[in-house]
Protein backbone atom coordinates (compact mmCIF):
# COMPACT_ATOMS: atom_id res chain seq x y z
CA MET A 1 -158.96 60.80 -65.96
CA SER A 2 -158.66 64.26 -64.43
CA ALA A 3 -154.88 64.48 -64.31
CA SER A 4 -152.24 63.86 -66.98
CA LEU A 5 -148.62 62.88 -66.66
CA GLN A 6 -145.51 62.67 -68.77
CA LEU A 7 -142.30 60.82 -68.10
CA VAL A 8 -139.32 62.89 -69.27
CA LEU A 9 -136.06 61.01 -69.85
CA CYS A 10 -132.66 62.67 -69.67
CA ASN A 11 -129.24 61.05 -69.44
CA CYS A 12 -126.43 62.82 -67.58
CA PRO A 13 -122.70 62.08 -67.72
CA ASP A 14 -122.38 61.65 -63.94
CA ASN A 15 -124.28 61.56 -60.65
CA ALA A 16 -123.26 65.10 -59.72
CA SER A 17 -124.87 66.71 -62.78
CA ALA A 18 -127.91 64.42 -62.45
CA HIS A 19 -128.39 65.45 -58.80
CA ARG A 20 -127.97 69.14 -59.66
CA ILE A 21 -130.60 68.96 -62.42
CA ALA A 22 -133.04 66.87 -60.35
CA ALA A 23 -132.75 69.21 -57.37
CA GLU A 24 -133.39 72.28 -59.52
CA LEU A 25 -136.42 70.71 -61.24
CA LEU A 26 -137.87 69.88 -57.82
CA HIS A 27 -136.99 73.29 -56.37
CA LEU A 28 -138.74 75.03 -59.27
CA ARG A 29 -141.70 72.64 -58.91
CA GLN A 30 -141.28 71.56 -62.53
CA ALA A 31 -141.30 67.92 -61.42
CA ALA A 32 -143.01 66.06 -58.61
CA CYS A 33 -140.49 63.23 -58.53
CA VAL A 34 -137.19 62.45 -60.23
CA ASN A 35 -135.63 58.99 -60.17
CA LEU A 36 -131.88 58.73 -60.72
CA LEU A 37 -130.70 55.47 -62.26
CA PRO A 38 -126.89 55.46 -62.00
CA ALA A 39 -124.40 53.49 -64.03
CA ILE A 40 -126.42 52.82 -67.15
CA THR A 41 -124.44 52.09 -70.29
CA SER A 42 -125.28 54.18 -73.34
CA MET A 43 -124.04 53.49 -76.86
CA TYR A 44 -124.57 56.06 -79.60
CA HIS A 45 -123.06 57.75 -82.63
CA TRP A 46 -121.62 61.19 -81.94
CA GLN A 47 -119.66 63.28 -84.43
CA GLY A 48 -118.99 60.29 -86.66
CA GLN A 49 -117.78 57.98 -83.89
CA LEU A 50 -119.45 55.13 -82.05
CA GLU A 51 -119.38 56.09 -78.38
CA THR A 52 -119.95 54.13 -75.19
CA ALA A 53 -120.53 55.99 -71.94
CA THR A 54 -121.62 55.32 -68.38
CA GLU A 55 -124.38 57.76 -67.54
CA THR A 56 -127.06 58.47 -64.94
CA MET A 57 -130.61 58.48 -66.27
CA LEU A 58 -133.20 60.87 -64.92
CA LEU A 59 -136.84 59.75 -64.94
CA ILE A 60 -138.78 62.96 -64.43
CA LYS A 61 -142.49 62.85 -63.58
CA ALA A 62 -144.36 66.05 -64.44
CA PRO A 63 -147.48 67.42 -66.11
CA PRO A 64 -147.14 67.76 -69.91
CA LEU A 65 -147.66 71.54 -69.74
CA LEU A 66 -144.26 71.86 -68.03
CA PHE A 67 -142.22 70.22 -70.81
CA GLU A 68 -140.80 73.46 -72.23
CA ALA A 69 -139.85 74.75 -68.77
CA ILE A 70 -138.19 71.41 -67.98
CA CYS A 71 -136.22 71.62 -71.25
CA GLN A 72 -135.02 75.11 -70.41
CA THR A 73 -133.89 74.08 -66.92
CA ILE A 74 -132.09 70.99 -68.18
CA CYS A 75 -130.36 72.89 -71.00
CA ARG A 76 -129.21 75.59 -68.56
CA LEU A 77 -127.57 73.06 -66.23
CA HIS A 78 -126.61 70.11 -68.44
CA PRO A 79 -122.96 69.73 -69.48
CA TYR A 80 -123.80 68.20 -72.90
CA SER A 81 -124.29 70.56 -75.84
CA VAL A 82 -127.18 68.38 -77.03
CA PRO A 83 -128.74 66.66 -74.01
CA GLU A 84 -131.30 63.91 -74.47
CA ILE A 85 -134.68 65.28 -73.40
CA ILE A 86 -137.64 63.21 -74.50
CA ALA A 87 -141.13 62.95 -73.07
CA ILE A 88 -143.33 59.89 -73.04
CA PRO A 89 -147.00 60.48 -72.33
CA VAL A 90 -148.47 58.27 -69.63
CA SER A 91 -151.76 56.90 -70.95
CA GLN A 92 -152.96 55.47 -67.64
CA GLY A 93 -152.05 55.74 -64.00
CA PHE A 94 -153.37 55.49 -60.46
CA LEU A 95 -155.51 58.63 -60.19
CA PRO A 96 -154.34 59.61 -56.66
CA TYR A 97 -150.72 59.47 -57.87
CA LEU A 98 -151.51 61.53 -60.98
CA ASP A 99 -153.31 64.09 -58.82
CA TRP A 100 -150.31 64.20 -56.45
CA VAL A 101 -147.93 64.92 -59.36
CA ASN A 102 -150.10 67.79 -60.54
CA GLU A 103 -150.46 69.20 -57.01
CA GLU A 104 -146.69 69.06 -56.41
CA CYS A 105 -146.02 70.92 -59.64
CA SER A 106 -148.47 73.68 -58.82
CA PRO A 107 -146.68 77.02 -58.43
CA ASN A 108 -149.18 78.06 -55.74
CA GLU A 109 -148.00 75.43 -53.25
């Protein structure tokens, strides 16, 4: 496989912050595609309390080499002090799609 891909997950407290982060990642060519999944329910412990929140999940498709840049962009724009930013490597994928992701994230485009 000539191209690699990661799926970066990040939950946002609302659609507005999710749209702002997605747009910036795309503008900076740090992601080829970002899916926004609104109205997910998250349950977690935070500062000793069990929390339940409605959030918007970002599914960010990008080459693995851009993970640190993606983290920096998200942290700069995200309203949470500790945003969820995790990457899942994609072990297989349709090669034309993987190539497209890498082309879209090329700074020379």
